[in-house]
Amino acid sequence: MKTLTLSLLTLLVSLSLIAETAKPKPEPPADLNNVPADAEKSATGVQWKRLAEGSGNDRASESDFVKFHYIVWTSEGRLLNDMTGEKAGIAPVNKMLPGLREVIETMAVGEKRRVWVPESMGARGRAPAGGHLTIDAEVLKIIHPPAVPSNVAAPPEDAIKTRSGLAYKVMRPGTGTEHPKRSSKVRVHYSGWTTDGKMFDSSLLRDEPAEFPLDKVIAGWTEGLQLMTEGERTRFWIPSRLAYDRQPGKPQGMLVFDVELLKIE
């Protein structure tokens, strides 16, 4: 059985590598260096052309994250990046290449554009001197960061406090009746802040739930999630001794988490 399992694993890895290798590289567009006459141009010199319509009125702002497909070529036709198909990038708008950011902020979900970014708007150092970048971008999702809790500094009077010092408040009741056990594996969405309102982590910004066994996380989570049911969203105020007390590189002091329990495995 062990040999069969290893053989099957080897086969699956091989097939995955073959599939990845077999994916054809996108060819540079015909208008790589010949911007169409109907392309729009901004005051900064960025030019763009809509390739597919989007839908809805939502647009990204500088505080948002965007999940998107994109392909980047230099003006000489060299492929710099291909995040299409099953791959997608997630980036904060305020950290994007200035020329791409300018266009992304005006795009709807589902919209696709071809963008020509000049040196002055971020292509310098990424393209040959005097050249530009041509980017095909498609917005898949606009991710708005969760708001900082108004009571992030301290638990409110109506929060429940356990014997350990953990405080919590149910923000939305669950739909299930089962509670996870210490040995359970759970799937959650969460966001975490320090008491001065700085977010240090969020699964929402990665657009992917987190999965973990409850006995492998900080003590405040191990205790707190056992109080929840599936579908519940709860805010926890976790004292330092139940969090990352004196652990280098980890947020210190009391931490505040909004946790949504999606599933008990």
Protein backbone atom coordinates (compact mmCIF):
# COMPACT_ATOMS: atom_id res chain seq x y z
CA MET A 1 0.00 0.00 0.00
CA LYS A 2 2.85 2.38 0.84
CA THR A 3 4.58 1.69 -2.49
CA LEU A 4 1.33 2.18 -4.38
CA THR A 5 0.69 5.48 -2.61
CA LEU A 6 4.17 6.78 -3.43
CA SER A 7 3.83 5.67 -7.05
CA LEU A 8 0.48 7.40 -7.37
CA LEU A 9 1.90 10.56 -5.79
CA THR A 10 4.85 10.49 -8.20
CA LEU A 11 2.47 10.08 -11.14
CA LEU A 12 0.28 12.99 -10.02
CA VAL A 13 3.30 15.25 -9.55
CA SER A 14 4.61 14.26 -12.97
CA LEU A 15 1.27 14.95 -14.63
CA SER A 16 1.10 18.32 -12.87
CA LEU A 17 4.58 19.25 -14.12
CA ILE A 18 3.69 18.12 -17.65
CA ALA A 19 0.50 20.19 -17.60
CA GLU A 20 2.41 23.24 -16.39
CA THR A 21 5.12 22.73 -19.00
CA ALA A 22 2.50 22.15 -21.71
CA LYS A 23 0.81 25.48 -21.06
CA PRO A 24 1.71 27.60 -24.09
CA LYS A 25 3.42 30.92 -23.45
CA PRO A 26 1.25 33.83 -24.52
CA GLU A 27 2.49 35.51 -27.67
CA PRO A 28 3.06 39.28 -27.61
CA PRO A 29 0.02 41.12 -29.00
CA ALA A 30 0.22 42.53 -32.52
CA ASP A 31 -0.13 46.05 -31.12
CA LEU A 32 2.70 45.61 -28.61
CA ASN A 33 4.53 48.63 -30.02
CA ASN A 34 1.74 50.09 -32.15
CA VAL A 35 -0.85 51.55 -29.84
CA PRO A 36 -4.23 51.60 -31.63
CA ALA A 37 -5.60 54.98 -32.64
CA ASP A 38 -8.74 54.35 -30.56
CA ALA A 39 -6.77 53.72 -27.36
CA GLU A 40 -7.40 56.18 -24.54
CA LYS A 41 -4.56 58.19 -23.04
CA SER A 42 -4.27 59.81 -19.63
CA ALA A 43 -2.43 63.00 -18.72
CA THR A 44 0.43 60.88 -17.31
CA GLY A 45 1.05 59.14 -20.63
CA VAL A 46 -0.55 55.80 -19.77
CA GLN A 47 -2.58 54.39 -22.67
CA TRP A 48 -5.19 51.68 -22.55
CA LYS A 49 -7.81 49.86 -24.60
CA ARG A 50 -10.78 47.88 -23.28
CA LEU A 51 -10.72 44.24 -24.45
CA ALA A 52 -13.78 43.00 -22.53
CA GLU A 53 -16.57 44.70 -20.62
CA GLY A 54 -17.01 44.29 -16.88
CA SER A 55 -20.10 44.59 -14.71
CA GLY A 56 -21.22 46.46 -11.61
CA ASN A 57 -20.33 49.83 -10.16
CA ASP A 58 -17.68 48.72 -7.68
CA ARG A 59 -14.19 50.17 -8.24
CA ALA A 60 -10.97 49.71 -6.30
CA SER A 61 -9.56 52.48 -4.14
CA GLU A 62 -6.02 52.86 -2.81
CA SER A 63 -6.89 50.97 0.40
CA ASP A 64 -8.28 47.93 -1.46
CA PHE A 65 -6.75 44.73 -2.77
CA VAL A 66 -7.43 43.43 -6.27
CA LYS A 67 -7.44 39.83 -7.45
CA PHE A 68 -6.60 39.81 -11.12
CA HIS A 69 -5.18 37.99 -14.12
CA TYR A 70 -2.34 39.70 -15.89
CA ILE A 71 0.35 39.21 -18.53
CA VAL A 72 3.33 41.55 -18.83
CA TRP A 73 5.58 42.03 -21.86
CA THR A 74 8.48 44.38 -22.47
CA SER A 75 8.49 46.53 -25.60
CA GLU A 76 10.92 44.05 -27.17
CA GLY A 77 8.36 41.25 -26.74
CA ARG A 78 9.94 39.53 -23.74
CA LEU A 79 7.42 37.90 -21.42
CA LEU A 80 7.95 39.12 -17.84
CA ASN A 81 5.02 37.49 -16.09
CA ASP A 82 1.98 35.36 -16.83
CA MET A 83 -0.63 35.05 -14.10
CA THR A 84 -3.54 33.59 -16.04
CA GLY A 85 -5.55 30.37 -16.09
CA GLU A 86 -5.51 28.84 -12.61
CA LYS A 87 -3.03 31.45 -11.45
CA ALA A 88 -4.10 34.88 -10.27
CA GLY A 89 -2.38 37.70 -8.47
CA ILE A 90 -3.66 39.52 -5.39
CA ALA A 91 -2.10 42.90 -4.74
CA PRO A 92 -2.77 46.03 -2.70
CA VAL A 93 -3.70 48.84 -5.07
CA ASN A 94 -1.32 51.27 -3.37
CA LYS A 95 1.66 48.97 -4.09
CA MET A 96 0.97 48.45 -7.79
CA LEU A 97 3.05 49.83 -10.64
CA PRO A 98 1.85 53.45 -10.86
CA GLY A 99 0.72 53.19 -14.49
CA LEU A 100 -1.18 49.95 -13.90
CA ARG A 101 -2.71 51.28 -10.69
CA GLU A 102 -4.07 54.30 -12.55
CA VAL A 103 -6.01 52.00 -14.88
CA ILE A 104 -6.99 49.31 -12.35
CA GLU A 105 -8.73 51.93 -10.19
CA THR A 106 -11.18 52.63 -13.04
CA MET A 107 -11.95 49.00 -13.96
CA ALA A 108 -15.06 47.00 -13.09
CA VAL A 109 -15.05 43.35 -12.05
CA GLY A 110 -14.77 41.16 -15.15
CA GLU A 111 -13.32 43.96 -17.24
CA LYS A 112 -10.17 43.33 -19.27
CA ARG A 113 -7.86 45.99 -20.67
CA ARG A 114 -4.56 46.24 -22.49
CA VAL A 115 -2.34 48.87 -20.92
CA TRP A 116 0.80 50.54 -22.26
CA VAL A 117 2.90 51.83 -19.35
CA PRO A 118 5.69 54.33 -20.14
CA GLU A 119 8.98 54.62 -18.27
CA SER A 120 7.71 57.61 -16.32
CA MET A 121 4.89 55.54 -14.81
CA GLY A 122 6.88 52.56 -13.59
CA ALA A 123 8.39 50.82 -16.60
CA ARG A 124 11.89 52.15 -15.92
CA GLY A 125 14.17 49.31 -14.85
CA ARG A 126 11.66 46.71 -16.03
CA ALA A 127 11.84 47.44 -19.76
CA PRO A 128 14.71 48.46 -22.07
CA ALA A 129 15.74 52.12 -21.89
CA GLY A 130 13.22 54.20 -23.78
CA GLY A 131 10.79 51.30 -23.84
CA HIS A 132 7.51 50.53 -22.14
CA LEU A 133 5.52 47.67 -20.66
CA THR A 134 2.40 46.22 -22.26
CA ILE A 135 0.06 44.62 -19.75
CA ASP A 136 -3.12 42.66 -20.29
CA ALA A 137 -5.11 42.86 -17.04
CA GLU A 138 -8.48 41.39 -16.04
CA VAL A 139 -10.07 42.28 -12.69
CA LEU A 140 -11.48 39.17 -11.04
CA LYS A 141 -12.42 40.56 -7.64
CA ILE A 142 -12.13 43.76 -5.63
CA ILE A 143 -11.34 42.99 -2.01
CA HIS A 144 -12.23 45.68 0.51
CA PRO A 145 -10.29 45.28 3.78
CA PRO A 146 -12.50 44.85 6.84
CA ALA A 147 -13.01 47.99 8.89
CA VAL A 148 -11.08 48.41 12.10
CA PRO A 149 -13.41 47.47 15.00
CA SER A 150 -14.64 50.50 16.93
CA ASN A 151 -13.85 48.64 20.17
CA VAL A 152 -10.40 47.44 19.13
CA ALA A 153 -8.69 49.09 22.11
CA ALA A 154 -10.49 47.06 24.78
CA PRO A 155 -13.39 44.61 25.11
CA PRO A 156 -16.77 46.33 25.63
CA GLU A 157 -18.81 45.88 28.79
CA ASP A 158 -21.10 43.34 27.14
CA ALA A 159 -18.22 41.08 26.09
CA ILE A 160 -18.03 37.72 27.86
CA LYS A 161 -14.79 36.99 29.69
CA THR A 162 -13.59 33.47 30.45
CA ARG A 163 -11.55 32.33 33.42
CA SER A 164 -8.34 32.48 31.33
CA GLY A 165 -8.84 36.17 30.52
CA LEU A 166 -10.09 35.64 26.98
CA ALA A 167 -12.91 38.05 26.09
CA TYR A 168 -15.35 37.55 23.22
CA LYS A 169 -18.55 38.83 21.68
CA VAL A 170 -20.70 36.96 19.14
CA MET A 171 -21.19 39.22 16.12
CA ARG A 172 -23.36 36.76 14.19
CA PRO A 173 -24.85 33.52 15.58
CA GLY A 174 -23.97 30.28 13.87
CA THR A 175 -26.28 27.96 11.98
CA GLY A 176 -24.89 24.74 13.42
CA THR A 177 -25.02 23.14 16.86
CA GLU A 178 -21.71 21.29 16.96
CA HIS A 179 -18.66 22.84 18.59
CA PRO A 180 -15.13 21.93 17.50
CA LYS A 181 -12.96 19.94 19.90
CA ARG A 182 -9.36 20.65 20.78
CA SER A 183 -8.35 17.91 18.32
CA SER A 184 -10.59 19.22 15.50
CA LYS A 185 -9.40 20.73 12.26
CA VAL A 186 -11.29 23.87 11.27
CA ARG A 187 -11.68 26.15 8.26
CA VAL A 188 -12.05 29.85 9.05
CA HIS A 189 -11.88 33.36 7.69
CA TYR A 190 -10.25 35.82 10.05
CA SER A 191 -8.71 39.27 10.46
CA GLY A 192 -6.40 40.38 13.26
CA TRP A 193 -5.53 43.79 14.70
CA THR A 194 -3.32 45.18 17.44
CA THR A 195 -5.10 47.42 19.93
CA ASP A 196 -3.92 50.57 18.09
CA GLY A 197 -6.02 49.48 15.09
CA LYS A 198 -3.25 48.13 12.85
CA MET A 199 -4.23 45.04 10.88
CA PHE A 200 -1.42 42.47 10.86
CA ASP A 201 -3.12 39.58 9.07
CA SER A 202 -6.32 38.66 7.25
CA SER A 203 -7.36 35.60 5.27
CA LEU A 204 -9.93 37.82 3.53
CA LEU A 205 -7.17 39.75 1.78
CA ARG A 206 -5.75 36.47 0.45
CA ASP A 207 -9.27 35.46 -0.70
CA GLU A 208 -8.66 32.04 0.79
CA PRO A 209 -9.86 30.53 4.10
CA ALA A 210 -7.30 29.20 6.57
CA GLU A 211 -7.34 25.59 7.72
CA PHE A 212 -5.57 24.29 10.82
CA PRO A 213 -5.90 21.88 13.77
CA LEU A 214 -7.01 23.71 16.91
CA ASP A 215 -4.20 22.27 19.03
CA LYS A 216 -1.56 23.87 16.77
CA VAL A 217 -2.49 27.54 17.16
CA ILE A 218 -2.22 30.16 19.91
CA ALA A 219 -3.99 29.31 23.17
CA GLY A 220 -6.59 32.05 22.71
CA TRP A 221 -7.68 30.51 19.42
CA THR A 222 -7.68 26.97 20.79
CA GLU A 223 -9.99 28.04 23.59
CA GLY A 224 -12.11 30.54 21.67
CA LEU A 225 -12.98 28.49 18.62
CA GLN A 226 -14.26 25.64 20.79
CA LEU A 227 -17.01 28.05 21.88
CA MET A 228 -18.19 28.60 18.30
CA THR A 229 -20.49 26.77 15.89
CA GLU A 230 -20.36 26.66 12.10
CA GLY A 231 -21.47 29.91 10.50
CA GLU A 232 -20.75 31.95 13.62
CA ARG A 233 -18.69 35.12 13.53
CA THR A 234 -17.12 36.18 16.80
CA ARG A 235 -14.74 38.93 17.92
CA PHE A 236 -12.04 37.88 20.38
CA TRP A 237 -9.83 40.02 22.60
CA ILE A 238 -6.86 37.77 23.35
CA PRO A 239 -4.44 38.80 26.11
CA SER A 240 -0.75 38.59 25.39
CA ARG A 241 -0.19 35.45 27.49
CA LEU A 242 -2.71 33.59 25.30
CA ALA A 243 -1.23 34.97 22.06
CA TYR A 244 2.41 35.60 21.03
CA ASP A 245 3.89 36.82 24.30
CA ARG A 246 7.59 37.63 23.72
CA GLN A 247 7.77 35.62 20.46
CA PRO A 248 10.16 37.45 18.09
CA GLY A 249 8.60 38.73 14.88
CA LYS A 250 5.03 38.26 16.14
CA PRO A 251 2.52 40.99 17.08
CA GLN A 252 2.67 41.74 20.78
CA GLY A 253 0.20 42.80 23.45
CA MET A 254 -3.51 42.06 23.41
CA LEU A 255 -4.73 41.07 19.95
CA VAL A 256 -8.21 41.42 18.49
CA PHE A 257 -9.53 38.86 15.99
CA ASP A 258 -12.74 38.64 14.01
CA VAL A 259 -13.21 34.95 13.24
CA GLU A 260 -15.85 33.26 11.09
CA LEU A 261 -16.05 29.51 11.55
CA LEU A 262 -16.81 28.09 8.11
CA LYS A 263 -16.46 24.38 8.71
CA ILE A 264 -15.44 21.80 11.29
CA GLU A 265 -13.51 19.04 9.54
